[in-house]
Structures are given as structure tokens and as C-alpha cells.
Amino acid sequence: MDEKIILLMEETGCAQGEAQLALELANNNFEKAIHTVKSILRNIAVVKGRFYIEDKNLYGLFIAILDKRAENLIRLTSVVSYNPIVYETDLANDWHFIEKSIYNYRLIEGSVPSLTRDVELHFYNEIASKKDKLYKALVDGDKDKISEMLIENFPIEQTKLEINAEEINLAQYQQSEDNPESDDLGKGSIDSESKRLFIEAQLSEDPEGKKAKYLLQDEVVLAQIVDNREIARYLSKLLGEKDMEYIPVRVEEIELNNQEIIARLHFSPGIAGYARIKPQTRVKVVKEIQKPLWKKIFGLR
């Protein structure tokens, strides 16, 4: 887990999902994120929804996070699939749990990426075109009105939509002893390191770059998915443009094993990569973290 997220959780007592969102709103500025947790997050609305198209056997799940005060859509994530497990998701679950579920459902059999993109574009357009009415409905807590606006002009006819709109409440998180990270994502989800999919990747080499043995946690490198599994090829299409060979990813961990470096990489929530490379090989680093002077003096990583 990112060090700033851990510190923010310890400092404010907030949950992991709130800490991630606060840092995102504060452009990764730790001090601003503290103030965000204490004030702005109380103005964040979360719309969780699921839908199905009976005659096409299609099921969908989405989550939209909106700043009611600034009337701004922070982010929106969805999935459309032929797998009915998607529709079995309980909308009463924590928003962070549902968001992670969506990322995993995109990777299991039955997911329809092209239709998922169409649905996300629809929601973006509807939220933007009905901004005043939508945010008023959020403030009023009028779920029927919100649902009515989101389903209008939907790209697939005869769609049945159900939503749950709520406000993120810091006090509720502080009082809860439940950790959504320990919950199961349900049958059909991807399981690893409690809920992670691991894929094989390779790092972009650069004669002028940094030696692999000196890579540090949280540095951003360029990586390419080289895993031959079908699910990995599908993931590659989701994460990168067709003409992009390498994408920037964060280094989670570096370890030396049998005279080779194994770098664990963060591709997205629930998805990690492993890249093997010789210690002396130089790699392209997009964002470099400087090693403290005392570590340089003693030759520590």
C-alpha cells in the first residue's frame, strides 16, 4: 500500500478508500489531503448502480463518485458482461469494495469491453448534460430522479436500472471495525494475494537509464505486458492504446533472486505485474525517487 495512504489513514482515522480519494482530490499533496478528509469528503456523493437487459442476457455494474459542492464528476467506472455474477453485487456494499469488484469483473469471462466503453460514455454525457438537475437530486437524495436521468438515452433498449446513492460519511468509517479488503469478491472473481491478478511483464531498457538493482519502491517505469495468456492480452487492450508498446507503471517492490531482479509492478487496482531483469541492466525511469544520502553512503537500497 502507498506510504502516503497509510500515513493519511493513521493521521485521520479514515478508511483506505477515503485516503485514496482524498489524495486524488488534493493532487497527491499530503497536507491538503488531510484537510480534504476532514471537510470536502463530506460533500462527496457515491452513486452505485447495477442493470440488466433480459432479452440479451447482459448485466452491468457501475459506480460514479461526484463532488456535490463543486458539481464535478471525480471518476466513473463500469463493466458490462454476460456473466450474471455482476448483477448479484449488493449495492449496499462499501463503494471501495464495489469499485474493486468492477475491475475484477472486467477480467473474468463474459466481459464486453466495447459495450462497457459505450455505457461509460453514456453516463459521462448524461451527467454533463443534466448537471443542474442531477446535483439537485443528489442533494435531495432523490434516487428515483437520479435513476430516471441516468437511464434516459441508454445505448441498449429495455434496460432495467437499480441504484443506491449515498454520501461518504467519515464517522461511519471510524466506527466500523469491518475491513472491506478482507471480504471476498464472490465466485468468479480473481484471487491472488487476496484478490490480485498477476501477469508477466518486461521493463523498457535504456542505455542512459537506471540500473535495475538501484530501482526504488514507488518509482515509475515503463513496462510492457508479455504474458501469453488470453486474459493478459485482453488486459493489455484495456490498459494501453493500440499503438502504445509500453505504459508507465509504479514499482511496488524490488527483490534479488538468483542473480536477477524481480520487480513487482502496479498496473491497476487488483492487477500486478512481475518483471525479471539482470541487476546491471539499465531501465527507463519516468519518475525517479532519490535515495537518502545516508543510504547512498552505506550502499543500501
C-alpha atoms as a PDB file:
ATOM      1  CA  MET A   1       0.000   0.000   0.000  1.00  0.00           C
ATOM      2  CA  ASP A   2       1.241   3.513  -0.810  1.00  0.00           C
ATOM      3  CA  GLU A   3       3.047   5.123   2.160  1.00  0.00           C
ATOM      4  CA  LYS A   4       1.036   8.351   1.886  1.00  0.00           C
ATOM      5  CA  ILE A   5      -2.212   6.374   2.096  1.00  0.00           C
ATOM      6  CA  ILE A   6      -1.006   4.586   5.237  1.00  0.00           C
ATOM      7  CA  LEU A   7       0.083   7.865   6.869  1.00  0.00           C
ATOM      8  CA  LEU A   8      -3.191   9.563   5.965  1.00  0.00           C
ATOM      9  CA  MET A   9      -5.196   6.685   7.447  1.00  0.00           C
ATOM     10  CA  GLU A  10      -3.126   6.857  10.654  1.00  0.00           C
ATOM     11  CA  GLU A  11      -3.358  10.645  10.830  1.00  0.00           C
ATOM     12  CA  THR A  12      -7.121  10.973  10.290  1.00  0.00           C
ATOM     13  CA  GLY A  13      -8.532   7.558  11.115  1.00  0.00           C
ATOM     14  CA  CYS A  14     -10.164   7.311   7.692  1.00  0.00           C
ATOM     15  CA  ALA A  15     -10.565   4.151   5.596  1.00  0.00           C
ATOM     16  CA  GLN A  16      -8.273   3.193   2.715  1.00  0.00           C
ATOM     17  CA  GLY A  17     -10.794   4.176   0.058  1.00  0.00           C
ATOM     18  CA  GLU A  18     -11.240   7.628   1.609  1.00  0.00           C
ATOM     19  CA  ALA A  19      -7.481   8.155   1.852  1.00  0.00           C
ATOM     20  CA  GLN A  20      -7.012   7.274  -1.830  1.00  0.00           C
ATOM     21  CA  LEU A  21      -9.809   9.602  -2.863  1.00  0.00           C
ATOM     22  CA  ALA A  22      -8.513  12.470  -0.675  1.00  0.00           C
ATOM     23  CA  LEU A  23      -5.041  12.233  -2.216  1.00  0.00           C
ATOM     24  CA  GLU A  24      -6.574  12.165  -5.682  1.00  0.00           C
ATOM     25  CA  LEU A  25      -8.592  15.324  -4.980  1.00  0.00           C
ATOM     26  CA  ALA A  26      -5.533  17.028  -3.466  1.00  0.00           C
ATOM     27  CA  ASN A  27      -3.243  16.129  -6.400  1.00  0.00           C
ATOM     28  CA  ASN A  28      -1.207  13.872  -4.078  1.00  0.00           C
ATOM     29  CA  ASN A  29      -0.431  16.753  -1.674  1.00  0.00           C
ATOM     30  CA  PHE A  30      -0.394  15.186   1.783  1.00  0.00           C
ATOM     31  CA  GLU A  31      -1.219  18.320   3.802  1.00  0.00           C
ATOM     32  CA  LYS A  32      -4.130  19.210   1.531  1.00  0.00           C
ATOM     33  CA  ALA A  33      -5.343  15.623   1.682  1.00  0.00           C
ATOM     34  CA  ILE A  34      -5.650  15.846   5.480  1.00  0.00           C
ATOM     35  CA  HIS A  35      -7.936  18.871   5.145  1.00  0.00           C
ATOM     36  CA  THR A  36      -9.839  17.086   2.383  1.00  0.00           C
ATOM     37  CA  VAL A  37     -10.605  14.115   4.627  1.00  0.00           C
ATOM     38  CA  LYS A  38     -11.878  16.402   7.379  1.00  0.00           C
ATOM     39  CA  SER A  39     -14.091  18.579   5.204  1.00  0.00           C
ATOM     40  CA  ILE A  40     -14.570  18.000   1.473  1.00  0.00           C
ATOM     41  CA  LEU A  41     -15.229  14.261   1.691  1.00  0.00           C
ATOM     42  CA  ARG A  42     -18.485  15.020   3.460  1.00  0.00           C
ATOM     43  CA  ASN A  43     -19.642  16.539   0.187  1.00  0.00           C
ATOM     44  CA  ILE A  44     -18.776  13.506  -1.894  1.00  0.00           C
ATOM     45  CA  ALA A  45     -21.712  11.551  -3.292  1.00  0.00           C
ATOM     46  CA  VAL A  46     -21.368   7.957  -4.414  1.00  0.00           C
ATOM     47  CA  VAL A  47     -23.838   6.524  -6.926  1.00  0.00           C
ATOM     48  CA  LYS A  48     -23.653   2.732  -7.140  1.00  0.00           C
ATOM     49  CA  GLY A  49     -25.766   1.050  -9.781  1.00  0.00           C
ATOM     50  CA  ARG A  50     -26.484  -2.252 -11.466  1.00  0.00           C
ATOM     51  CA  PHE A  51     -28.536  -3.017 -14.555  1.00  0.00           C
ATOM     52  CA  TYR A  52     -29.610  -5.879 -16.789  1.00  0.00           C
ATOM     53  CA  ILE A  53     -31.013  -6.395 -20.281  1.00  0.00           C
ATOM     54  CA  GLU A  54     -33.084  -9.555 -20.016  1.00  0.00           C
ATOM     55  CA  ASP A  55     -33.566 -10.349 -23.710  1.00  0.00           C
ATOM     56  CA  LYS A  56     -29.807 -10.044 -24.358  1.00  0.00           C
ATOM     57  CA  ASN A  57     -28.611 -11.718 -21.134  1.00  0.00           C
ATOM     58  CA  LEU A  58     -26.375  -8.726 -20.388  1.00  0.00           C
ATOM     59  CA  TYR A  59     -25.548  -7.484 -16.881  1.00  0.00           C
ATOM     60  CA  GLY A  60     -23.824  -4.317 -15.742  1.00  0.00           C
ATOM     61  CA  LEU A  61     -22.372  -2.616 -12.698  1.00  0.00           C
ATOM     62  CA  PHE A  62     -21.111   0.941 -12.294  1.00  0.00           C
ATOM     63  CA  ILE A  63     -20.010   3.444  -9.685  1.00  0.00           C
ATOM     64  CA  ALA A  64     -19.836   7.227 -10.028  1.00  0.00           C
ATOM     65  CA  ILE A  65     -18.105   9.445  -7.466  1.00  0.00           C
ATOM     66  CA  LEU A  66     -19.170  13.084  -7.554  1.00  0.00           C
ATOM     67  CA  ASP A  67     -18.260  16.239  -5.639  1.00  0.00           C
ATOM     68  CA  LYS A  68     -21.619  17.797  -4.771  1.00  0.00           C
ATOM     69  CA  ARG A  69     -20.124  21.132  -3.700  1.00  0.00           C
ATOM     70  CA  ALA A  70     -18.044  21.682  -6.841  1.00  0.00           C
ATOM     71  CA  GLU A  71     -20.573  19.811  -9.011  1.00  0.00           C
ATOM     72  CA  ASN A  72     -17.778  17.785 -10.512  1.00  0.00           C
ATOM     73  CA  LEU A  73     -17.560  14.130 -11.559  1.00  0.00           C
ATOM     74  CA  ILE A  74     -14.433  12.760  -9.910  1.00  0.00           C
ATOM     75  CA  ARG A  75     -14.425   9.368 -11.602  1.00  0.00           C
ATOM     76  CA  LEU A  76     -16.701   6.737 -13.072  1.00  0.00           C
ATOM     77  CA  THR A  77     -16.094   3.027 -13.543  1.00  0.00           C
ATOM     78  CA  SER A  78     -18.326   0.372 -15.063  1.00  0.00           C
ATOM     79  CA  VAL A  79     -18.476  -3.120 -16.534  1.00  0.00           C
ATOM     80  CA  VAL A  80     -20.906  -4.866 -18.893  1.00  0.00           C
ATOM     81  CA  SER A  81     -20.823  -8.647 -19.010  1.00  0.00           C
ATOM     82  CA  TYR A  82     -22.698 -11.794 -19.965  1.00  0.00           C
ATOM     83  CA  ASN A  83     -21.763 -13.164 -16.535  1.00  0.00           C
ATOM     84  CA  PRO A  84     -24.776 -12.849 -14.158  1.00  0.00           C
ATOM     85  CA  ILE A  85     -22.482 -12.664 -11.108  1.00  0.00           C
ATOM     86  CA  VAL A  86     -22.012  -8.986 -11.985  1.00  0.00           C
ATOM     87  CA  TYR A  87     -25.670  -8.293 -11.229  1.00  0.00           C
ATOM     88  CA  GLU A  88     -25.531 -10.216  -7.957  1.00  0.00           C
ATOM     89  CA  THR A  89     -23.371  -7.471  -6.422  1.00  0.00           C
ATOM     90  CA  ASP A  90     -25.068  -5.978  -3.364  1.00  0.00           C
ATOM     91  CA  LEU A  91     -25.291  -2.193  -3.804  1.00  0.00           C
ATOM     92  CA  ALA A  92     -25.270  -1.808  -0.032  1.00  0.00           C
ATOM     93  CA  ASN A  93     -21.595  -2.836  -0.032  1.00  0.00           C
ATOM     94  CA  ASP A  94     -18.863  -0.268   0.592  1.00  0.00           C
ATOM     95  CA  TRP A  95     -18.129   1.790  -2.535  1.00  0.00           C
ATOM     96  CA  HIS A  96     -14.440   0.898  -2.462  1.00  0.00           C
ATOM     97  CA  PHE A  97     -15.304  -2.811  -2.448  1.00  0.00           C
ATOM     98  CA  ILE A  98     -17.659  -2.352  -5.418  1.00  0.00           C
ATOM     99  CA  GLU A  99     -15.053  -0.398  -7.366  1.00  0.00           C
ATOM    100  CA  LYS A 100     -12.503  -3.183  -6.892  1.00  0.00           C
ATOM    101  CA  SER A 101     -15.145  -5.720  -7.906  1.00  0.00           C
ATOM    102  CA  ILE A 102     -15.721  -3.861 -11.179  1.00  0.00           C
ATOM    103  CA  TYR A 103     -12.020  -4.016 -12.077  1.00  0.00           C
ATOM    104  CA  ASN A 104     -12.038  -7.759 -11.444  1.00  0.00           C
ATOM    105  CA  TYR A 105     -15.280  -8.403 -13.333  1.00  0.00           C
ATOM    106  CA  ARG A 106     -13.729  -6.718 -16.365  1.00  0.00           C
ATOM    107  CA  LEU A 107     -11.188  -9.525 -16.453  1.00  0.00           C
ATOM    108  CA  ILE A 108     -13.318 -12.604 -15.989  1.00  0.00           C
ATOM    109  CA  GLU A 109     -15.039 -14.496 -18.774  1.00  0.00           C
ATOM    110  CA  GLY A 110     -18.073 -12.777 -20.264  1.00  0.00           C
ATOM    111  CA  SER A 111     -16.908  -9.168 -20.065  1.00  0.00           C
ATOM    112  CA  VAL A 112     -17.768  -6.987 -23.100  1.00  0.00           C
ATOM    113  CA  PRO A 113     -15.132  -4.178 -23.330  1.00  0.00           C
ATOM    114  CA  SER A 114     -16.654  -2.339 -26.310  1.00  0.00           C
ATOM    115  CA  LEU A 115     -20.091  -2.162 -24.691  1.00  0.00           C
ATOM    116  CA  THR A 116     -18.516  -1.171 -21.384  1.00  0.00           C
ATOM    117  CA  ARG A 117     -16.929   1.847 -23.094  1.00  0.00           C
ATOM    118  CA  ASP A 118     -20.259   2.793 -24.684  1.00  0.00           C
ATOM    119  CA  VAL A 119     -22.017   2.640 -21.324  1.00  0.00           C
ATOM    120  CA  GLU A 120     -19.346   4.728 -19.595  1.00  0.00           C
ATOM    121  CA  LEU A 121     -19.559   7.336 -22.356  1.00  0.00           C
ATOM    122  CA  HIS A 122     -23.338   7.390 -21.942  1.00  0.00           C
ATOM    123  CA  PHE A 123     -23.087   8.059 -18.207  1.00  0.00           C
ATOM    124  CA  TYR A 124     -20.468  10.783 -18.740  1.00  0.00           C
ATOM    125  CA  ASN A 125     -22.713  12.515 -21.283  1.00  0.00           C
ATOM    126  CA  GLU A 126     -25.880  12.231 -19.192  1.00  0.00           C
ATOM    127  CA  ILE A 127     -24.169  13.571 -16.066  1.00  0.00           C
ATOM    128  CA  ALA A 128     -22.689  16.505 -18.000  1.00  0.00           C
ATOM    129  CA  SER A 129     -25.866  17.395 -19.924  1.00  0.00           C
ATOM    130  CA  LYS A 130     -28.143  17.203 -16.860  1.00  0.00           C
ATOM    131  CA  LYS A 131     -25.700  18.700 -14.385  1.00  0.00           C
ATOM    132  CA  ASP A 132     -28.037  21.101 -12.536  1.00  0.00           C
ATOM    133  CA  LYS A 133     -30.903  18.631 -12.182  1.00  0.00           C
ATOM    134  CA  LEU A 134     -28.637  15.730 -11.265  1.00  0.00           C
ATOM    135  CA  TYR A 135     -26.772  17.504  -8.464  1.00  0.00           C
ATOM    136  CA  LYS A 136     -30.047  18.855  -7.077  1.00  0.00           C
ATOM    137  CA  ALA A 137     -31.362  15.293  -6.986  1.00  0.00           C
ATOM    138  CA  LEU A 138     -28.187  14.197  -5.196  1.00  0.00           C
ATOM    139  CA  VAL A 139     -28.599  16.922  -2.580  1.00  0.00           C
ATOM    140  CA  ASP A 140     -32.266  15.994  -2.164  1.00  0.00           C
ATOM    141  CA  GLY A 141     -31.473  12.296  -2.024  1.00  0.00           C
ATOM    142  CA  ASP A 142     -33.988  11.609  -4.794  1.00  0.00           C
ATOM    143  CA  LYS A 143     -32.827   8.190  -6.053  1.00  0.00           C
ATOM    144  CA  ASP A 144     -35.778   7.759  -8.393  1.00  0.00           C
ATOM    145  CA  LYS A 145     -34.964  11.030 -10.154  1.00  0.00           C
ATOM    146  CA  ILE A 146     -31.275  10.131 -10.438  1.00  0.00           C
ATOM    147  CA  SER A 147     -32.119   6.720 -11.877  1.00  0.00           C
ATOM    148  CA  GLU A 148     -34.562   8.275 -14.337  1.00  0.00           C
ATOM    149  CA  MET A 149     -31.918  10.694 -15.632  1.00  0.00           C
ATOM    150  CA  LEU A 150     -29.192   8.043 -15.961  1.00  0.00           C
ATOM    151  CA  ILE A 151     -31.347   5.531 -17.834  1.00  0.00           C
ATOM    152  CA  GLU A 152     -32.612   8.082 -20.374  1.00  0.00           C
ATOM    153  CA  ASN A 153     -30.988   7.640 -23.824  1.00  0.00           C
ATOM    154  CA  PHE A 154     -29.299   4.433 -22.637  1.00  0.00           C
ATOM    155  CA  PRO A 155     -27.443   2.740 -25.557  1.00  0.00           C
ATOM    156  CA  ILE A 156     -29.382  -0.519 -25.095  1.00  0.00           C
ATOM    157  CA  GLU A 157     -33.176  -0.637 -25.026  1.00  0.00           C
ATOM    158  CA  GLN A 158     -35.256  -2.353 -22.344  1.00  0.00           C
ATOM    159  CA  THR A 159     -32.585  -1.853 -19.684  1.00  0.00           C
ATOM    160  CA  LYS A 160     -33.618  -2.228 -16.044  1.00  0.00           C
ATOM    161  CA  LEU A 161     -31.564   0.001 -13.731  1.00  0.00           C
ATOM    162  CA  GLU A 162     -31.237  -0.020  -9.938  1.00  0.00           C
ATOM    163  CA  ILE A 163     -29.119   2.473  -7.986  1.00  0.00           C
ATOM    164  CA  ASN A 164     -28.001   3.288  -4.475  1.00  0.00           C
ATOM    165  CA  ALA A 165     -26.919   6.898  -3.853  1.00  0.00           C
ATOM    166  CA  GLU A 166     -25.190   7.845  -0.625  1.00  0.00           C
ATOM    167  CA  GLU A 167     -22.784  10.318   0.949  1.00  0.00           C
ATOM    168  CA  ILE A 168     -19.399   9.185   2.201  1.00  0.00           C
ATOM    169  CA  ASN A 169     -19.513   9.535   5.981  1.00  0.00           C
ATOM    170  CA  LEU A 170     -16.184   9.651   7.792  1.00  0.00           C
ATOM    171  CA  ALA A 171     -17.758   8.932  11.202  1.00  0.00           C
ATOM    172  CA  GLN A 172     -19.289   5.691   9.933  1.00  0.00           C
ATOM    173  CA  TYR A 173     -15.890   4.523   8.705  1.00  0.00           C
ATOM    174  CA  GLN A 174     -14.250   5.381  12.026  1.00  0.00           C
ATOM    175  CA  GLN A 175     -16.877   3.449  13.991  1.00  0.00           C
ATOM    176  CA  SER A 176     -16.720   0.396  11.737  1.00  0.00           C
ATOM    177  CA  GLU A 177     -14.341  -2.437  12.528  1.00  0.00           C
ATOM    178  CA  ASP A 178     -15.003  -4.119   9.214  1.00  0.00           C
ATOM    179  CA  ASN A 179     -12.234  -4.067   6.645  1.00  0.00           C
ATOM    180  CA  PRO A 180     -13.547  -4.320   3.065  1.00  0.00           C
ATOM    181  CA  GLU A 181     -10.115  -5.504   1.969  1.00  0.00           C
ATOM    182  CA  SER A 182     -10.720  -8.808   3.765  1.00  0.00           C
ATOM    183  CA  ASP A 183     -14.073  -9.531   2.110  1.00  0.00           C
ATOM    184  CA  ASP A 184     -14.422 -11.993  -0.735  1.00  0.00           C
ATOM    185  CA  LEU A 185     -15.271 -10.579  -4.127  1.00  0.00           C
ATOM    186  CA  GLY A 186     -17.533 -13.546  -4.773  1.00  0.00           C
ATOM    187  CA  LYS A 187     -17.454 -16.553  -7.037  1.00  0.00           C
ATOM    188  CA  GLY A 188     -15.825 -15.975 -10.388  1.00  0.00           C
ATOM    189  CA  SER A 189     -13.586 -13.166  -9.179  1.00  0.00           C
ATOM    190  CA  ILE A 190      -9.822 -13.271  -9.458  1.00  0.00           C
ATOM    191  CA  ASP A 191      -7.978 -14.381  -6.378  1.00  0.00           C
ATOM    192  CA  SER A 192      -4.327 -13.716  -5.582  1.00  0.00           C
ATOM    193  CA  GLU A 193      -2.586 -12.112  -2.629  1.00  0.00           C
ATOM    194  CA  SER A 194      -6.124 -11.978  -1.506  1.00  0.00           C
ATOM    195  CA  LYS A 195      -7.591 -10.561  -4.663  1.00  0.00           C
ATOM    196  CA  ARG A 196      -4.924  -9.815  -7.245  1.00  0.00           C
ATOM    197  CA  LEU A 197      -4.241 -10.992 -10.748  1.00  0.00           C
ATOM    198  CA  PHE A 198      -0.523 -11.366 -11.522  1.00  0.00           C
ATOM    199  CA  ILE A 199       0.786 -11.021 -15.057  1.00  0.00           C
ATOM    200  CA  GLU A 200       4.204 -11.301 -16.670  1.00  0.00           C
ATOM    201  CA  ALA A 201       5.758  -8.052 -17.887  1.00  0.00           C
ATOM    202  CA  GLN A 202       9.061  -6.659 -19.106  1.00  0.00           C
ATOM    203  CA  LEU A 203      10.695  -3.292 -18.453  1.00  0.00           C
ATOM    204  CA  SER A 204      11.774  -0.826 -21.105  1.00  0.00           C
ATOM    205  CA  GLU A 205      15.563  -0.757 -21.288  1.00  0.00           C
ATOM    206  CA  ASP A 206      17.518   2.479 -21.747  1.00  0.00           C
ATOM    207  CA  PRO A 207      21.321   2.766 -22.139  1.00  0.00           C
ATOM    208  CA  GLU A 208      21.159   6.061 -20.232  1.00  0.00           C
ATOM    209  CA  GLY A 209      18.690   4.777 -17.658  1.00  0.00           C
ATOM    210  CA  LYS A 210      18.979   3.484 -14.114  1.00  0.00           C
ATOM    211  CA  LYS A 211      20.468   0.108 -13.229  1.00  0.00           C
ATOM    212  CA  ALA A 212      17.737  -2.319 -12.222  1.00  0.00           C
ATOM    213  CA  LYS A 213      19.419  -3.123  -8.920  1.00  0.00           C
ATOM    214  CA  TYR A 214      19.033   0.523  -7.873  1.00  0.00           C
ATOM    215  CA  LEU A 215      15.303   0.789  -8.588  1.00  0.00           C
ATOM    216  CA  LEU A 216      13.266   2.023  -5.628  1.00  0.00           C
ATOM    217  CA  GLN A 217       9.718   1.480  -4.448  1.00  0.00           C
ATOM    218  CA  ASP A 218       7.185   3.947  -5.950  1.00  0.00           C
ATOM    219  CA  GLU A 219       9.411   4.895  -8.867  1.00  0.00           C
ATOM    220  CA  VAL A 220       7.542   4.927 -12.186  1.00  0.00           C
ATOM    221  CA  VAL A 221       8.966   2.802 -15.006  1.00  0.00           C
ATOM    222  CA  LEU A 222       7.792   1.813 -18.477  1.00  0.00           C
ATOM    223  CA  ALA A 223       6.521  -1.748 -18.756  1.00  0.00           C
ATOM    224  CA  GLN A 224       5.027  -3.964 -21.429  1.00  0.00           C
ATOM    225  CA  ILE A 225       2.731  -6.955 -20.843  1.00  0.00           C
ATOM    226  CA  VAL A 226       4.331 -10.090 -22.308  1.00  0.00           C
ATOM    227  CA  ASP A 227       2.085 -12.656 -20.645  1.00  0.00           C
ATOM    228  CA  ASN A 228       0.754 -15.078 -23.313  1.00  0.00           C
ATOM    229  CA  ARG A 229      -2.493 -15.897 -21.530  1.00  0.00           C
ATOM    230  CA  GLU A 230      -5.720 -14.738 -23.143  1.00  0.00           C
ATOM    231  CA  ILE A 231      -6.698 -12.758 -20.069  1.00  0.00           C
ATOM    232  CA  ALA A 232      -3.387 -10.880 -20.187  1.00  0.00           C
ATOM    233  CA  ARG A 233      -3.849  -9.968 -23.861  1.00  0.00           C
ATOM    234  CA  TYR A 234      -7.292  -8.662 -23.014  1.00  0.00           C
ATOM    235  CA  LEU A 235      -5.843  -6.682 -20.119  1.00  0.00           C
ATOM    236  CA  SER A 236      -3.227  -5.174 -22.422  1.00  0.00           C
ATOM    237  CA  LYS A 237      -6.005  -3.770 -24.605  1.00  0.00           C
ATOM    238  CA  LEU A 238      -7.735  -2.307 -21.566  1.00  0.00           C
ATOM    239  CA  LEU A 239      -4.668  -0.598 -20.129  1.00  0.00           C
ATOM    240  CA  GLY A 240      -2.936   0.743 -23.210  1.00  0.00           C
ATOM    241  CA  GLU A 241      -3.662   2.294 -26.561  1.00  0.00           C
ATOM    242  CA  LYS A 242      -3.233   0.058 -29.588  1.00  0.00           C
ATOM    243  CA  ASP A 243      -0.172   1.975 -30.729  1.00  0.00           C
ATOM    244  CA  MET A 244       1.433   2.104 -27.275  1.00  0.00           C
ATOM    245  CA  GLU A 245       4.046  -0.546 -26.654  1.00  0.00           C
ATOM    246  CA  TYR A 246       4.942   0.406 -23.074  1.00  0.00           C
ATOM    247  CA  ILE A 247       2.868   2.050 -20.360  1.00  0.00           C
ATOM    248  CA  PRO A 248       4.014   3.828 -17.165  1.00  0.00           C
ATOM    249  CA  VAL A 249       3.557   1.771 -14.000  1.00  0.00           C
ATOM    250  CA  ARG A 250       4.624   2.153 -10.379  1.00  0.00           C
ATOM    251  CA  VAL A 251       7.215  -0.133  -8.777  1.00  0.00           C
ATOM    252  CA  GLU A 252       5.696  -1.827  -5.731  1.00  0.00           C
ATOM    253  CA  GLU A 253       8.631  -3.936  -4.650  1.00  0.00           C
ATOM    254  CA  ILE A 254      12.143  -4.933  -5.742  1.00  0.00           C
ATOM    255  CA  GLU A 255      13.877  -8.161  -4.730  1.00  0.00           C
ATOM    256  CA  LEU A 256      17.037 -10.012  -5.750  1.00  0.00           C
ATOM    257  CA  ASN A 257      16.527 -13.695  -6.560  1.00  0.00           C
ATOM    258  CA  ASN A 258      19.215 -15.972  -8.035  1.00  0.00           C
ATOM    259  CA  GLN A 259      21.242 -13.135  -9.539  1.00  0.00           C
ATOM    260  CA  GLU A 260      18.221 -11.474 -11.142  1.00  0.00           C
ATOM    261  CA  ILE A 261      15.986  -8.609 -10.111  1.00  0.00           C
ATOM    262  CA  ILE A 262      12.272  -9.261  -9.753  1.00  0.00           C
ATOM    263  CA  ALA A 263      10.214  -6.076  -9.909  1.00  0.00           C
ATOM    264  CA  ARG A 264       6.592  -6.156  -8.801  1.00  0.00           C
ATOM    265  CA  LEU A 265       4.587  -3.552 -10.701  1.00  0.00           C
ATOM    266  CA  HIS A 266       1.229  -1.862 -10.086  1.00  0.00           C
ATOM    267  CA  PHE A 267      -0.926  -1.838 -13.247  1.00  0.00           C
ATOM    268  CA  SER A 268      -4.296  -1.069 -11.629  1.00  0.00           C
ATOM    269  CA  PRO A 269      -6.293  -1.976  -8.503  1.00  0.00           C
ATOM    270  CA  GLY A 270      -6.260  -5.767  -8.273  1.00  0.00           C
ATOM    271  CA  ILE A 271      -3.707  -6.206 -11.082  1.00  0.00           C
ATOM    272  CA  ALA A 272       0.051  -6.576 -10.536  1.00  0.00           C
ATOM    273  CA  GLY A 273       2.922  -7.427 -12.856  1.00  0.00           C
ATOM    274  CA  TYR A 274       6.210  -9.243 -12.367  1.00  0.00           C
ATOM    275  CA  ALA A 275       9.256  -8.337 -14.448  1.00  0.00           C
ATOM    276  CA  ARG A 276      12.565 -10.238 -14.294  1.00  0.00           C
ATOM    277  CA  ILE A 277      15.746  -8.432 -15.311  1.00  0.00           C
ATOM    278  CA  LYS A 278      19.505  -8.591 -14.695  1.00  0.00           C
ATOM    279  CA  PRO A 279      20.749  -6.268 -11.911  1.00  0.00           C
ATOM    280  CA  GLN A 280      23.148  -4.365 -14.209  1.00  0.00           C
ATOM    281  CA  THR A 281      20.587  -3.751 -16.969  1.00  0.00           C
ATOM    282  CA  ARG A 282      19.622  -0.092 -17.270  1.00  0.00           C
ATOM    283  CA  VAL A 283      15.909   0.692 -17.475  1.00  0.00           C
ATOM    284  CA  LYS A 284      13.860   3.748 -18.353  1.00  0.00           C
ATOM    285  CA  VAL A 285      12.589   5.565 -15.256  1.00  0.00           C
ATOM    286  CA  VAL A 286       9.804   8.101 -15.801  1.00  0.00           C
ATOM    287  CA  LYS A 287       9.642   9.323 -12.211  1.00  0.00           C
ATOM    288  CA  GLU A 288      12.721   8.822 -10.085  1.00  0.00           C
ATOM    289  CA  ILE A 289      12.835   8.845  -6.289  1.00  0.00           C
ATOM    290  CA  GLN A 290      16.134   9.972  -4.868  1.00  0.00           C
ATOM    291  CA  LYS A 291      17.764   7.664  -2.359  1.00  0.00           C
ATOM    292  CA  PRO A 292      18.542   9.338   1.009  1.00  0.00           C
ATOM    293  CA  LEU A 293      22.191  10.333   1.364  1.00  0.00           C
ATOM    294  CA  TRP A 294      22.821   8.036   4.321  1.00  0.00           C
ATOM    295  CA  LYS A 295      21.653   5.044   2.261  1.00  0.00           C
ATOM    296  CA  LYS A 296      23.959   6.036  -0.601  1.00  0.00           C
ATOM    297  CA  ILE A 297      26.906   6.249   1.800  1.00  0.00           C
ATOM    298  CA  PHE A 298      26.279   2.760   3.217  1.00  0.00           C
ATOM    299  CA  GLY A 299      25.291   1.256  -0.131  1.00  0.00           C
ATOM    300  CA  LEU A 300      21.779   0.358   0.964  1.00  0.00           C
ATOM    301  CA  ARG A 301      18.796   0.010  -1.366  1.00  0.00           C
END
